[in-house]
C-alpha atoms as a PDB file:
ATOM      1  CA  MET A   1      -0.023   0.069  -0.015  1.00  0.00           C
ATOM      2  CA  GLN A   2       1.183   3.523  -0.820  1.00  0.00           C
ATOM      3  CA  ALA A   3       0.058   5.257   2.382  1.00  0.00           C
ATOM      4  CA  ASN A   4       1.397   8.693   1.237  1.00  0.00           C
ATOM      5  CA  LEU A   5      -0.858   8.563  -1.890  1.00  0.00           C
ATOM      6  CA  LEU A   6      -3.877   7.730   0.333  1.00  0.00           C
ATOM      7  CA  ARG A   7      -2.991  10.462   2.772  1.00  0.00           C
ATOM      8  CA  ALA A   8      -2.751  12.972  -0.103  1.00  0.00           C
ATOM      9  CA  GLU A   9      -6.196  11.989  -1.352  1.00  0.00           C
ATOM     10  CA  ILE A  10      -7.618  12.296   2.166  1.00  0.00           C
ATOM     11  CA  ALA A  11      -6.078  15.793   2.462  1.00  0.00           C
ATOM     12  CA  TYR A  12      -7.300  16.826  -0.923  1.00  0.00           C
ATOM     13  CA  HIS A  13     -10.835  16.063   0.035  1.00  0.00           C
ATOM     14  CA  GLY A  14     -10.449  17.864   3.312  1.00  0.00           C
ATOM     15  CA  MET A  15     -11.356  14.867   5.466  1.00  0.00           C
ATOM     16  CA  SER A  16      -9.955  13.665   8.703  1.00  0.00           C
ATOM     17  CA  TYR A  17      -8.911  10.071   9.143  1.00  0.00           C
ATOM     18  CA  LYS A  18     -11.808   9.674  11.632  1.00  0.00           C
ATOM     19  CA  GLU A  19     -14.367  11.065   9.048  1.00  0.00           C
ATOM     20  CA  LEU A  20     -13.115   8.815   6.255  1.00  0.00           C
ATOM     21  CA  ALA A  21     -13.084   5.776   8.510  1.00  0.00           C
ATOM     22  CA  GLU A  22     -16.635   6.427   9.672  1.00  0.00           C
ATOM     23  CA  ARG A  23     -17.935   7.027   6.111  1.00  0.00           C
ATOM     24  CA  ALA A  24     -16.092   3.832   4.861  1.00  0.00           C
ATOM     25  CA  LYS A  25     -17.495   1.863   7.815  1.00  0.00           C
ATOM     26  CA  ILE A  26     -14.072   0.987   9.276  1.00  0.00           C
ATOM     27  CA  SER A  27     -13.343   1.464  12.945  1.00  0.00           C
ATOM     28  CA  THR A  28     -10.983   4.348  13.615  1.00  0.00           C
ATOM     29  CA  SER A  29      -8.433   2.119  15.399  1.00  0.00           C
ATOM     30  CA  ALA A  30      -8.421  -0.403  12.505  1.00  0.00           C
ATOM     31  CA  PHE A  31      -8.103   2.426  10.012  1.00  0.00           C
ATOM     32  CA  SER A  32      -5.133   3.825  11.908  1.00  0.00           C
ATOM     33  CA  ALA A  33      -3.366   0.465  12.002  1.00  0.00           C
ATOM     34  CA  LYS A  34      -3.952   0.003   8.326  1.00  0.00           C
ATOM     35  CA  ILE A  35      -2.843   3.419   7.107  1.00  0.00           C
ATOM     36  CA  ASN A  36       0.299   3.040   9.303  1.00  0.00           C
ATOM     37  CA  GLY A  37       1.096  -0.352   7.572  1.00  0.00           C
ATOM     38  CA  GLN A  38       0.436  -2.539  10.620  1.00  0.00           C
ATOM     39  CA  ARG A  39      -2.414  -4.445   8.848  1.00  0.00           C
ATOM     40  CA  PRO A  40      -3.554  -4.600   5.200  1.00  0.00           C
ATOM     41  CA  PHE A  41      -6.857  -3.120   3.866  1.00  0.00           C
ATOM     42  CA  ASP A  42      -9.073  -5.833   2.453  1.00  0.00           C
ATOM     43  CA  VAL A  43     -10.641  -5.356  -0.932  1.00  0.00           C
ATOM     44  CA  ASP A  44     -13.967  -4.355   0.444  1.00  0.00           C
ATOM     45  CA  GLU A  45     -12.404  -1.682   2.693  1.00  0.00           C
ATOM     46  CA  ALA A  46     -10.275  -0.371  -0.192  1.00  0.00           C
ATOM     47  CA  THR A  47     -13.357  -0.237  -2.456  1.00  0.00           C
ATOM     48  CA  ARG A  48     -15.385   1.679   0.174  1.00  0.00           C
ATOM     49  CA  ILE A  49     -12.510   4.176   0.778  1.00  0.00           C
ATOM     50  CA  CYS A  50     -12.266   4.757  -2.971  1.00  0.00           C
ATOM     51  CA  ASP A  51     -15.952   5.291  -3.207  1.00  0.00           C
ATOM     52  CA  VAL A  52     -15.993   7.819  -0.437  1.00  0.00           C
ATOM     53  CA  LEU A  53     -13.004   9.648  -1.945  1.00  0.00           C
ATOM     54  CA  LYS A  54     -14.467   9.335  -5.462  1.00  0.00           C
ATOM     55  CA  ILE A  55     -11.423   7.655  -6.832  1.00  0.00           C
ATOM     56  CA  GLU A  56     -12.754   5.943  -9.962  1.00  0.00           C
ATOM     57  CA  GLU A  57      -9.745   5.186 -12.057  1.00  0.00           C
ATOM     58  CA  ALA A  58      -8.580   1.585 -11.672  1.00  0.00           C
ATOM     59  CA  GLU A  59      -4.931   2.537 -12.113  1.00  0.00           C
ATOM     60  CA  LYS A  60      -5.151   5.162  -9.304  1.00  0.00           C
ATOM     61  CA  ARG A  61      -6.865   2.628  -7.043  1.00  0.00           C
ATOM     62  CA  ALA A  62      -4.158   0.096  -7.827  1.00  0.00           C
ATOM     63  CA  ASN A  63      -1.350   2.591  -7.222  1.00  0.00           C
ATOM     64  CA  ILE A  64      -2.695   3.280  -3.793  1.00  0.00           C
ATOM     65  CA  PHE A  65      -3.794  -0.105  -2.511  1.00  0.00           C
ATOM     66  CA  LEU A  66      -1.492  -2.661  -4.261  1.00  0.00           C
ATOM     67  CA  LYS A  67       2.026  -3.170  -3.156  1.00  0.00           C
ATOM     68  CA  GLN A  68       4.657  -1.943  -5.578  1.00  0.00           C
ATOM     69  CA  MET A  69       6.916  -4.665  -6.927  1.00  0.00           C
ATOM     70  CA  PRO A  70      10.653  -3.965  -6.525  1.00  0.00           C
ATOM     71  CA  GLN A  71      12.421  -3.316  -9.823  1.00  0.00           C
END
């Protein structure tokens, strides 16, 4: 996961982590652990977050939530 990209999207939309977590139906403690890389987001959570943030492009979603392969 590219947490910095997700953080940038959250800031762009003027939301707090708590607000996004609530709107995406994720507990704030779980959201915190996931955005800090302690646990992964599951597909349903990533989809709900993208829906809340209105991220529609598949490539952008993938860039945020899929691990980047080392080159």
